Protein backbone atom coordinates (compact mmCIF):
# COMPACT_ATOMS: atom_id res chain seq x y z
CA MET A 1 18.61 16.28 -33.32
CA SER A 2 21.23 13.55 -33.72
CA PRO A 3 24.25 14.22 -35.89
CA VAL A 4 24.06 12.83 -39.40
CA ILE A 5 25.36 9.30 -39.80
CA LYS A 6 28.12 9.57 -42.36
CA ASN A 7 29.09 5.91 -42.64
CA ASN A 8 28.33 2.42 -41.45
CA ALA A 9 31.15 2.42 -38.88
CA ILE A 10 28.89 3.41 -35.99
CA PRO A 11 28.58 0.51 -33.50
CA ASP A 12 25.22 -1.21 -33.07
CA GLY A 13 24.96 -0.02 -29.46
CA GLU A 14 25.09 3.62 -30.49
CA LEU A 15 22.61 3.00 -33.30
CA LEU A 16 20.20 1.43 -30.80
CA LEU A 17 20.52 4.45 -28.49
CA ARG A 18 19.81 6.78 -31.38
CA LEU A 19 16.94 4.56 -32.52
CA ALA A 20 15.39 4.82 -29.04
CA GLY A 21 15.53 8.60 -29.52
CA ASN A 22 13.43 8.36 -32.71
CA ASP A 23 16.38 8.67 -35.08
CA ALA A 24 15.04 7.40 -38.41
CA GLU A 25 18.50 7.56 -39.95
CA ALA A 26 19.81 5.13 -37.33
CA PHE A 27 16.94 2.81 -38.20
CA THR A 28 17.89 3.03 -41.89
CA VAL A 29 21.50 2.14 -41.10
CA ILE A 30 20.36 -0.87 -39.02
CA TYR A 31 18.05 -1.93 -41.83
CA ASN A 32 20.76 -1.64 -44.49
CA ARG A 33 23.32 -3.36 -42.27
CA TYR A 34 21.27 -6.47 -41.51
CA TRP A 35 18.34 -6.93 -43.89
CA GLU A 36 20.25 -9.18 -46.32
CA THR A 37 21.63 -11.37 -43.50
CA LEU A 38 18.12 -11.81 -42.11
CA TYR A 39 16.65 -12.53 -45.53
CA ARG A 40 19.29 -15.18 -46.28
CA SER A 41 18.77 -16.82 -42.89
CA ALA A 42 15.03 -17.16 -43.57
CA PHE A 43 15.56 -18.20 -47.19
CA ARG A 44 17.86 -21.09 -46.21
CA VAL A 45 14.83 -22.72 -44.60
CA LEU A 46 11.78 -21.47 -46.50
CA LYS A 47 13.16 -21.00 -50.04
CA ASP A 48 10.31 -18.55 -50.61
CA HIS A 49 11.34 -15.03 -51.65
CA ASP A 50 8.06 -13.29 -50.78
CA ALA A 51 7.64 -15.04 -47.42
CA CYS A 52 11.23 -14.16 -46.46
CA LEU A 53 10.78 -10.51 -47.41
CA ASP A 54 7.58 -10.43 -45.35
CA ILE A 55 9.41 -11.89 -42.36
CA VAL A 56 12.23 -9.35 -42.60
CA HIS A 57 9.78 -6.46 -42.95
CA GLU A 58 7.72 -7.71 -39.99
CA ILE A 59 10.86 -7.78 -37.84
CA TYR A 60 11.86 -4.26 -38.83
CA THR A 61 8.33 -2.95 -38.39
CA TRP A 62 8.30 -4.41 -34.88
CA LEU A 63 11.76 -2.98 -34.19
CA TRP A 64 10.63 0.53 -35.11
CA ALA A 65 7.34 0.23 -33.20
CA HIS A 66 9.15 -0.86 -30.03
CA ARG A 67 12.26 1.30 -30.42
CA ARG A 68 11.81 3.14 -27.11
CA GLU A 69 11.60 0.04 -24.90
CA LEU A 70 14.24 -2.16 -26.55
CA GLN A 71 16.93 -3.67 -24.38
CA ILE A 72 19.21 -5.44 -26.83
CA ALA A 73 22.79 -6.36 -25.95
CA HIS A 74 23.77 -7.85 -29.33
CA LEU A 75 21.70 -6.56 -32.23
CA ARG A 76 22.77 -9.07 -34.89
CA ALA A 77 22.10 -12.07 -32.63
CA TYR A 78 18.79 -10.56 -31.55
CA LEU A 79 17.64 -10.04 -35.13
CA LEU A 80 18.71 -13.54 -36.20
CA SER A 81 16.79 -15.01 -33.25
CA ALA A 82 13.76 -13.03 -34.38
CA VAL A 83 14.12 -14.57 -37.85
CA LYS A 84 14.20 -18.10 -36.38
CA PHE A 85 11.10 -17.34 -34.34
CA LYS A 86 9.25 -15.93 -37.36
CA VAL A 87 10.29 -18.86 -39.59
CA VAL A 88 9.08 -21.39 -37.02
CA ASN A 89 5.78 -19.51 -36.71
CA HIS A 90 5.49 -19.39 -40.49
CA ILE A 91 5.92 -23.17 -40.67
CA ARG A 92 3.65 -23.80 -37.70
CA ALA A 93 0.92 -21.69 -39.31
CA GLY A 94 1.17 -23.81 -42.44
CA ARG A 95 2.22 -21.05 -44.80
CA ILE A 96 5.01 -22.98 -46.45
CA ARG A 97 5.63 -23.76 -50.07
CA GLU A 98 4.77 -27.22 -51.37
CA SER A 99 8.28 -28.54 -51.81
CA PHE A 100 9.37 -27.78 -48.23
CA PHE A 101 8.65 -31.27 -46.96
CA GLY A 102 10.37 -32.88 -49.92
CA GLU A 103 13.53 -30.99 -48.97
CA ALA A 104 13.18 -31.13 -45.18
CA ALA A 105 15.89 -33.76 -44.80
CA GLN A 106 18.32 -31.34 -46.45
CA LEU A 107 18.05 -29.03 -43.44
CA LEU A 108 20.95 -30.88 -41.92
CA PRO A 109 24.10 -28.90 -42.68
CA PRO A 110 26.74 -30.84 -44.65
CA GLU A 111 29.50 -29.91 -42.22
CA THR A 112 27.67 -31.75 -39.44
CA ALA A 113 26.39 -34.74 -41.39
CA ASP A 114 27.54 -37.29 -38.84
CA ALA A 115 25.82 -40.53 -37.88
CA GLY A 116 23.42 -38.75 -35.51
CA ASN A 117 22.28 -36.29 -38.15
CA ASN A 118 21.98 -39.05 -40.74
CA LEU A 119 19.79 -40.90 -38.27
CA ALA A 120 17.62 -37.80 -37.82
CA ALA A 121 17.28 -37.47 -41.61
CA LYS A 122 16.33 -41.16 -41.87
CA GLU A 123 13.78 -40.75 -39.09
CA LEU A 124 12.27 -37.78 -40.90
CA ASP A 125 12.14 -39.72 -44.16
CA THR A 126 10.50 -42.69 -42.42
CA ALA A 127 7.96 -40.45 -40.71
CA VAL A 128 7.09 -38.76 -44.04
CA ARG A 129 6.67 -42.15 -45.75
CA GLN A 130 4.43 -43.44 -42.96
CA CYS A 131 2.28 -40.34 -43.15
CA ILE A 132 2.01 -40.61 -46.94
CA SER A 133 1.02 -44.29 -46.68
CA ARG A 134 -1.97 -43.26 -44.52
CA LEU A 135 -3.29 -40.74 -47.07
CA PRO A 136 -6.46 -41.58 -49.02
CA GLU A 137 -5.61 -43.39 -52.27
CA ARG A 138 -6.24 -40.51 -54.69
CA CYS A 139 -4.45 -38.03 -52.45
CA ARG A 140 -1.47 -40.40 -52.12
CA THR A 141 -1.35 -40.96 -55.89
CA VAL A 142 -1.42 -37.23 -56.65
CA TYR A 143 1.30 -36.57 -54.06
CA ASP A 144 3.45 -39.40 -55.44
CA LEU A 145 3.11 -38.16 -59.03
CA SER A 146 4.05 -34.66 -57.92
CA ARG A 147 6.95 -35.50 -55.62
CA ASN A 148 8.42 -38.71 -56.95
CA GLU A 149 7.67 -38.49 -60.65
CA HIS A 150 8.02 -34.70 -60.71
CA LEU A 151 4.91 -34.16 -62.83
CA SER A 152 3.34 -30.72 -63.01
CA HIS A 153 -0.21 -30.15 -61.79
CA ARG A 154 -1.39 -30.04 -65.39
CA GLU A 155 0.36 -33.34 -66.21
CA ILE A 156 -1.15 -35.03 -63.15
CA SER A 157 -4.55 -33.66 -64.13
CA ALA A 158 -4.25 -35.16 -67.62
CA LYS A 159 -2.87 -38.49 -66.37
CA MET A 160 -5.56 -38.99 -63.73
CA GLY A 161 -8.47 -37.38 -65.57
CA ILE A 162 -9.14 -34.85 -62.83
CA SER A 163 -9.07 -31.06 -62.82
CA VAL A 164 -5.97 -29.05 -62.02
CA LYS A 165 -7.88 -27.57 -59.09
CA THR A 166 -8.51 -31.08 -57.72
CA VAL A 167 -4.79 -31.83 -58.05
CA GLU A 168 -3.98 -28.64 -56.12
CA ASN A 169 -6.53 -29.52 -53.44
CA GLN A 170 -5.17 -33.06 -53.04
CA ILE A 171 -1.60 -31.79 -52.68
CA THR A 172 -2.78 -29.22 -50.13
CA ILE A 173 -4.51 -31.98 -48.14
CA ALA A 174 -1.40 -34.17 -48.29
CA LEU A 175 0.88 -31.36 -47.16
CA ARG A 176 -1.46 -30.35 -44.36
CA ARG A 177 -1.59 -33.92 -43.03
CA ILE A 178 2.18 -34.30 -43.30
CA ARG A 179 2.67 -30.95 -41.58
CA GLU A 180 0.29 -31.91 -38.76
CA SER A 181 2.00 -35.27 -38.36
CA LEU A 182 5.57 -33.96 -38.50
CA GLY A 183 5.26 -30.49 -36.99
CA SER A 184 7.22 -31.13 -33.81
CA LEU A 185 9.88 -33.20 -35.61
CA LEU A 186 10.47 -30.46 -38.20
CA LEU A 187 10.68 -27.78 -35.53
CA PHE A 188 13.21 -29.96 -33.68
CA LEU A 189 15.30 -30.26 -36.86
CA LEU A 190 15.17 -26.52 -37.44
CA VAL A 191 16.46 -25.87 -33.93
CA LEU A 192 19.03 -28.69 -34.22
CA CYS A 193 20.39 -27.25 -37.43
CA GLY A 194 20.50 -23.69 -36.13
CA ARG A 195 18.76 -22.40 -39.21
């Protein structure tokens, strides 16, 4: 049995060795040491509390399940890479909140907002506009009312004389088409921004 961990001063390498030996307390220390960092990293991109918690829990579940075969040199970097991978998969699978695409251009960090990044943001904006222009008329109108006029689903429903469910469906269609059209560009921006 491993000695009790009395504080958080134990290096990651030792924690990983103890974890490989089925030390649940070492796992708890790793969890407490990094869960908030991982959550914040995911939240910067997704802005979805529940999705970010799920991602963090998936990573830690995997870590515990594979504890005996892990070969990790730098735990923090490894866990942050896992978050990036999970976030990209989350986006690729289409499980993102509605406003993600409206904020996608803001992925570029302010400290690196040079001409190249501004160009990337403009390209993203242009690509989104082109995709929106190809939407069916009702779908485009619903999307425009939601994103540009900031109307709620209920307000769009009343204004257009359609059900709230139809509004939700039209926004889902619009987002799916935008996602399909921009998938590789958004993934490029995520990698570019290191988020």
